Amino acid sequence: MHRCFFEPLPSESFTCCYAYGETFKDIDIKTGVSPKIMEHGFNEVPCCRFSPGRSMCSPPEDKPFFIPYIRQVGEKYLLKILANSYQI
């Protein structure tokens, strides 16, 4: 529940932990994870601060096409950073 994930591009996934006060701006673009995720829960190891349940970035079950605001803002920010890093 406290894990925020962002997928600005189809093959890209980024994650941070809201429980530690992190936002999408804390994510390391090279690794795709924030410092607290790297420290407390990376790959298949769960973080002790992650509550069971759906991520706050997941669409609600009754509205499958609704993207939560936190995810919209995060994905726009990350896409802007990625677009700048891919420019030739």
C-alpha atoms as a PDB file:
ATOM      1  CA  MET A   1       0.000   0.000   0.000  1.00  0.00           C
ATOM      2  CA  HIS A   2       2.861   2.420   0.693  1.00  0.00           C
ATOM      3  CA  ARG A   3       4.765   1.459  -2.421  1.00  0.00           C
ATOM      4  CA  CYS A   4       4.331   3.918  -5.277  1.00  0.00           C
ATOM      5  CA  PHE A   5       5.059   2.675  -8.756  1.00  0.00           C
ATOM      6  CA  PHE A   6       5.263   4.646 -11.972  1.00  0.00           C
ATOM      7  CA  GLU A   7       5.317   3.345 -15.544  1.00  0.00           C
ATOM      8  CA  PRO A   8       5.870   6.344 -17.836  1.00  0.00           C
ATOM      9  CA  LEU A   9       6.978   4.073 -20.677  1.00  0.00           C
ATOM     10  CA  PRO A  10       5.805   0.504 -21.458  1.00  0.00           C
ATOM     11  CA  SER A  11       9.158  -1.104 -20.616  1.00  0.00           C
ATOM     12  CA  GLU A  12      10.082   1.203 -17.712  1.00  0.00           C
ATOM     13  CA  SER A  13       8.994   0.865 -14.099  1.00  0.00           C
ATOM     14  CA  PHE A  14      10.013   3.096 -11.185  1.00  0.00           C
ATOM     15  CA  THR A  15       9.201   2.761  -7.506  1.00  0.00           C
ATOM     16  CA  CYS A  16       9.481   4.671  -4.229  1.00  0.00           C
ATOM     17  CA  CYS A  17       8.115   4.316  -0.687  1.00  0.00           C
ATOM     18  CA  TYR A  18       5.493   6.810   0.473  1.00  0.00           C
ATOM     19  CA  ALA A  19       5.748   5.525   4.058  1.00  0.00           C
ATOM     20  CA  TYR A  20       9.271   6.959   4.307  1.00  0.00           C
ATOM     21  CA  GLY A  21       8.113  10.286   2.872  1.00  0.00           C
ATOM     22  CA  GLU A  22       9.621   9.683  -0.540  1.00  0.00           C
ATOM     23  CA  THR A  23       8.153  10.967  -3.782  1.00  0.00           C
ATOM     24  CA  PHE A  24       8.833  10.304  -7.445  1.00  0.00           C
ATOM     25  CA  LYS A  25      11.579  12.956  -7.264  1.00  0.00           C
ATOM     26  CA  ASP A  26      13.593  10.643  -4.963  1.00  0.00           C
ATOM     27  CA  ILE A  27      13.802   7.872  -7.568  1.00  0.00           C
ATOM     28  CA  ASP A  28      17.211   7.190  -9.078  1.00  0.00           C
ATOM     29  CA  ILE A  29      16.550   7.094 -12.822  1.00  0.00           C
ATOM     30  CA  LYS A  30      19.474   4.704 -13.447  1.00  0.00           C
ATOM     31  CA  THR A  31      18.263   2.020 -11.022  1.00  0.00           C
ATOM     32  CA  GLY A  32      14.526   2.773 -11.128  1.00  0.00           C
ATOM     33  CA  VAL A  33      14.193   2.745  -7.347  1.00  0.00           C
ATOM     34  CA  SER A  34      14.430   5.257  -4.515  1.00  0.00           C
ATOM     35  CA  PRO A  35      17.030   5.086  -1.718  1.00  0.00           C
ATOM     36  CA  LYS A  36      14.590   3.594   0.826  1.00  0.00           C
ATOM     37  CA  ILE A  37      13.431   0.909  -1.614  1.00  0.00           C
ATOM     38  CA  MET A  38      17.080   0.046  -2.302  1.00  0.00           C
ATOM     39  CA  GLU A  39      17.786  -0.115   1.430  1.00  0.00           C
ATOM     40  CA  HIS A  40      14.660  -1.863   2.728  1.00  0.00           C
ATOM     41  CA  GLY A  41      13.013  -3.767  -0.076  1.00  0.00           C
ATOM     42  CA  PHE A  42      14.399  -4.365  -3.536  1.00  0.00           C
ATOM     43  CA  ASN A  43      13.632  -7.085  -6.088  1.00  0.00           C
ATOM     44  CA  GLU A  44      11.528  -9.761  -4.400  1.00  0.00           C
ATOM     45  CA  VAL A  45      12.373  -8.712  -0.831  1.00  0.00           C
ATOM     46  CA  PRO A  46       9.418  -6.807   0.665  1.00  0.00           C
ATOM     47  CA  CYS A  47       9.969  -3.628   2.658  1.00  0.00           C
ATOM     48  CA  CYS A  48       8.855  -3.784   6.292  1.00  0.00           C
ATOM     49  CA  ARG A  49       6.931  -0.498   5.816  1.00  0.00           C
ATOM     50  CA  PHE A  50       4.815  -1.780   2.918  1.00  0.00           C
ATOM     51  CA  SER A  51       1.306  -2.442   4.153  1.00  0.00           C
ATOM     52  CA  PRO A  52      -0.564  -5.300   2.524  1.00  0.00           C
ATOM     53  CA  GLY A  53      -2.980  -4.246  -0.175  1.00  0.00           C
ATOM     54  CA  ARG A  54      -3.022  -2.371  -3.441  1.00  0.00           C
ATOM     55  CA  SER A  55      -0.583   0.404  -4.198  1.00  0.00           C
ATOM     56  CA  MET A  56      -1.964   3.937  -4.025  1.00  0.00           C
ATOM     57  CA  CYS A  57      -0.849   4.198  -7.655  1.00  0.00           C
ATOM     58  CA  SER A  58      -3.128   1.354  -8.768  1.00  0.00           C
ATOM     59  CA  PRO A  59      -6.465   2.163 -10.391  1.00  0.00           C
ATOM     60  CA  PRO A  60      -9.432   1.424  -8.102  1.00  0.00           C
ATOM     61  CA  GLU A  61     -11.176  -1.879  -8.780  1.00  0.00           C
ATOM     62  CA  ASP A  62     -14.488  -0.137  -9.518  1.00  0.00           C
ATOM     63  CA  LYS A  63     -12.813   2.360 -11.918  1.00  0.00           C
ATOM     64  CA  PRO A  64     -10.159   0.414 -13.885  1.00  0.00           C
ATOM     65  CA  PHE A  65      -9.385   3.329 -16.239  1.00  0.00           C
ATOM     66  CA  PHE A  66      -8.908   5.937 -13.495  1.00  0.00           C
ATOM     67  CA  ILE A  67      -5.243   6.729 -12.872  1.00  0.00           C
ATOM     68  CA  PRO A  68      -4.662   8.278  -9.412  1.00  0.00           C
ATOM     69  CA  TYR A  69      -3.344  11.835  -9.380  1.00  0.00           C
ATOM     70  CA  ILE A  70      -0.094  10.902  -7.572  1.00  0.00           C
ATOM     71  CA  ARG A  71       0.717   8.502 -10.411  1.00  0.00           C
ATOM     72  CA  GLN A  72      -0.210  10.997 -13.142  1.00  0.00           C
ATOM     73  CA  VAL A  73       2.096  13.659 -11.716  1.00  0.00           C
ATOM     74  CA  GLY A  74       4.909  11.182 -11.085  1.00  0.00           C
ATOM     75  CA  GLU A  75       4.770   9.685 -14.556  1.00  0.00           C
ATOM     76  CA  LYS A  76       4.748  13.122 -16.222  1.00  0.00           C
ATOM     77  CA  TYR A  77       7.812  14.134 -14.205  1.00  0.00           C
ATOM     78  CA  LEU A  78       9.688  10.902 -14.918  1.00  0.00           C
ATOM     79  CA  LEU A  79       8.792  10.999 -18.616  1.00  0.00           C
ATOM     80  CA  LYS A  80      10.175  14.538 -18.830  1.00  0.00           C
ATOM     81  CA  ILE A  81      13.442  13.432 -17.163  1.00  0.00           C
ATOM     82  CA  LEU A  82      13.686  10.374 -19.417  1.00  0.00           C
ATOM     83  CA  ALA A  83      12.978  12.395 -22.562  1.00  0.00           C
ATOM     84  CA  ASN A  84      15.774  14.813 -21.661  1.00  0.00           C
ATOM     85  CA  SER A  85      18.232  11.979 -21.037  1.00  0.00           C
ATOM     86  CA  TYR A  86      17.426  10.236 -24.350  1.00  0.00           C
ATOM     87  CA  GLN A  87      17.877  13.331 -26.523  1.00  0.00           C
ATOM     88  CA  ILE A  88      20.702  13.227 -29.009  1.00  0.00           C
END
